[in-house]
Amino acid sequence: MIMKFFGFFLVAACMAVAGCGTSAPTNTVENASQSDIDKYNEMLEESQKDAQASAEAAAAGMKPGQE
């Protein structure tokens, strides 16, 4: 019983601490070059295409990469 209470207390404390911090918006591309941004956008598009292909394969009942 004491261990359950301690576990609950520990989880609650971790959640409280994790929620603390600044809520100011940040700019993650502040110091990035345009070529880095372009590379990121290309990787993002490729990832989205892969995700779409996987979803279509799953809908068709196939494993990804199988045609």
C-alpha atoms as a PDB file:
ATOM      1  CA  MET A   1       0.000   0.000   0.000  1.00  0.00           C
ATOM      2  CA  ILE A   2       2.797   2.393   0.869  1.00  0.00           C
ATOM      3  CA  MET A   3       4.614   1.542  -2.371  1.00  0.00           C
ATOM      4  CA  LYS A   4       1.512   2.374  -4.445  1.00  0.00           C
ATOM      5  CA  PHE A   5       1.183   5.718  -2.677  1.00  0.00           C
ATOM      6  CA  PHE A   6       4.880   6.441  -3.134  1.00  0.00           C
ATOM      7  CA  GLY A   7       4.674   5.484  -6.825  1.00  0.00           C
ATOM      8  CA  PHE A   8       1.663   7.739  -7.342  1.00  0.00           C
ATOM      9  CA  PHE A   9       3.399  10.591  -5.528  1.00  0.00           C
ATOM     10  CA  LEU A  10       6.555  10.117  -7.591  1.00  0.00           C
ATOM     11  CA  VAL A  11       4.633  10.150 -10.890  1.00  0.00           C
ATOM     12  CA  ALA A  12       2.653  13.235  -9.839  1.00  0.00           C
ATOM     13  CA  ALA A  13       5.838  15.052  -8.811  1.00  0.00           C
ATOM     14  CA  CYS A  14       7.535  14.227 -12.126  1.00  0.00           C
ATOM     15  CA  MET A  15       4.550  15.485 -14.066  1.00  0.00           C
ATOM     16  CA  ALA A  16       4.505  18.713 -12.078  1.00  0.00           C
ATOM     17  CA  VAL A  17       8.200  19.336 -12.644  1.00  0.00           C
ATOM     18  CA  ALA A  18       7.999  18.464 -16.352  1.00  0.00           C
ATOM     19  CA  GLY A  19       5.235  21.028 -16.809  1.00  0.00           C
ATOM     20  CA  CYS A  20       7.343  23.841 -15.433  1.00  0.00           C
ATOM     21  CA  GLY A  21       9.281  26.096 -17.741  1.00  0.00           C
ATOM     22  CA  THR A  22       8.977  29.103 -19.946  1.00  0.00           C
ATOM     23  CA  SER A  23       5.930  29.360 -22.131  1.00  0.00           C
ATOM     24  CA  ALA A  24       7.455  31.904 -24.484  1.00  0.00           C
ATOM     25  CA  PRO A  25       7.413  30.903 -28.145  1.00  0.00           C
ATOM     26  CA  THR A  26      10.754  29.908 -29.623  1.00  0.00           C
ATOM     27  CA  ASN A  27      12.073  30.036 -33.166  1.00  0.00           C
ATOM     28  CA  THR A  28      13.896  26.813 -33.981  1.00  0.00           C
ATOM     29  CA  VAL A  29      15.127  28.014 -37.377  1.00  0.00           C
ATOM     30  CA  GLU A  30      16.529  31.261 -36.075  1.00  0.00           C
ATOM     31  CA  ASN A  31      20.145  30.463 -36.954  1.00  0.00           C
ATOM     32  CA  ALA A  32      19.548  27.912 -39.724  1.00  0.00           C
ATOM     33  CA  SER A  33      20.730  28.562 -43.263  1.00  0.00           C
ATOM     34  CA  GLN A  34      18.286  28.436 -46.154  1.00  0.00           C
ATOM     35  CA  SER A  35      19.940  25.266 -47.481  1.00  0.00           C
ATOM     36  CA  ASP A  36      19.398  23.565 -44.111  1.00  0.00           C
ATOM     37  CA  ILE A  37      15.745  24.593 -44.176  1.00  0.00           C
ATOM     38  CA  ASP A  38      15.399  23.268 -47.735  1.00  0.00           C
ATOM     39  CA  LYS A  39      16.992  19.932 -46.739  1.00  0.00           C
ATOM     40  CA  TYR A  40      14.610  19.681 -43.787  1.00  0.00           C
ATOM     41  CA  ASN A  41      11.601  20.372 -46.003  1.00  0.00           C
ATOM     42  CA  GLU A  42      12.763  17.697 -48.482  1.00  0.00           C
ATOM     43  CA  MET A  43      13.149  15.151 -45.668  1.00  0.00           C
ATOM     44  CA  LEU A  44       9.708  16.104 -44.349  1.00  0.00           C
ATOM     45  CA  GLU A  45       8.096  15.622 -47.770  1.00  0.00           C
ATOM     46  CA  GLU A  46       9.830  12.245 -48.186  1.00  0.00           C
ATOM     47  CA  SER A  47       8.687  11.156 -44.748  1.00  0.00           C
ATOM     48  CA  GLN A  48       5.109  12.158 -45.545  1.00  0.00           C
ATOM     49  CA  LYS A  49       5.232  10.223 -48.820  1.00  0.00           C
ATOM     50  CA  ASP A  50       6.541   7.148 -46.991  1.00  0.00           C
ATOM     51  CA  ALA A  51       3.804   7.450 -44.382  1.00  0.00           C
ATOM     52  CA  GLN A  52       1.159   7.752 -47.101  1.00  0.00           C
ATOM     53  CA  ALA A  53       2.560   4.715 -48.923  1.00  0.00           C
ATOM     54  CA  SER A  54       2.546   2.723 -45.682  1.00  0.00           C
ATOM     55  CA  ALA A  55      -1.040   3.735 -44.972  1.00  0.00           C
ATOM     56  CA  GLU A  56      -2.116   2.743 -48.466  1.00  0.00           C
ATOM     57  CA  ALA A  57      -0.291  -0.585 -48.183  1.00  0.00           C
ATOM     58  CA  ALA A  58      -1.905  -1.250 -44.821  1.00  0.00           C
ATOM     59  CA  ALA A  59      -5.317  -0.426 -46.261  1.00  0.00           C
ATOM     60  CA  ALA A  60      -4.674  -2.865 -49.109  1.00  0.00           C
ATOM     61  CA  GLY A  61      -3.512  -5.548 -46.664  1.00  0.00           C
ATOM     62  CA  MET A  62       0.058  -5.546 -47.866  1.00  0.00           C
ATOM     63  CA  LYS A  63       3.355  -5.128 -46.101  1.00  0.00           C
ATOM     64  CA  PRO A  64       5.243  -1.866 -46.851  1.00  0.00           C
ATOM     65  CA  GLY A  65       7.644  -2.284 -49.778  1.00  0.00           C
ATOM     66  CA  GLN A  66       5.628  -5.148 -51.212  1.00  0.00           C
ATOM     67  CA  GLU A  67       3.960  -4.465 -54.567  1.00  0.00           C
END
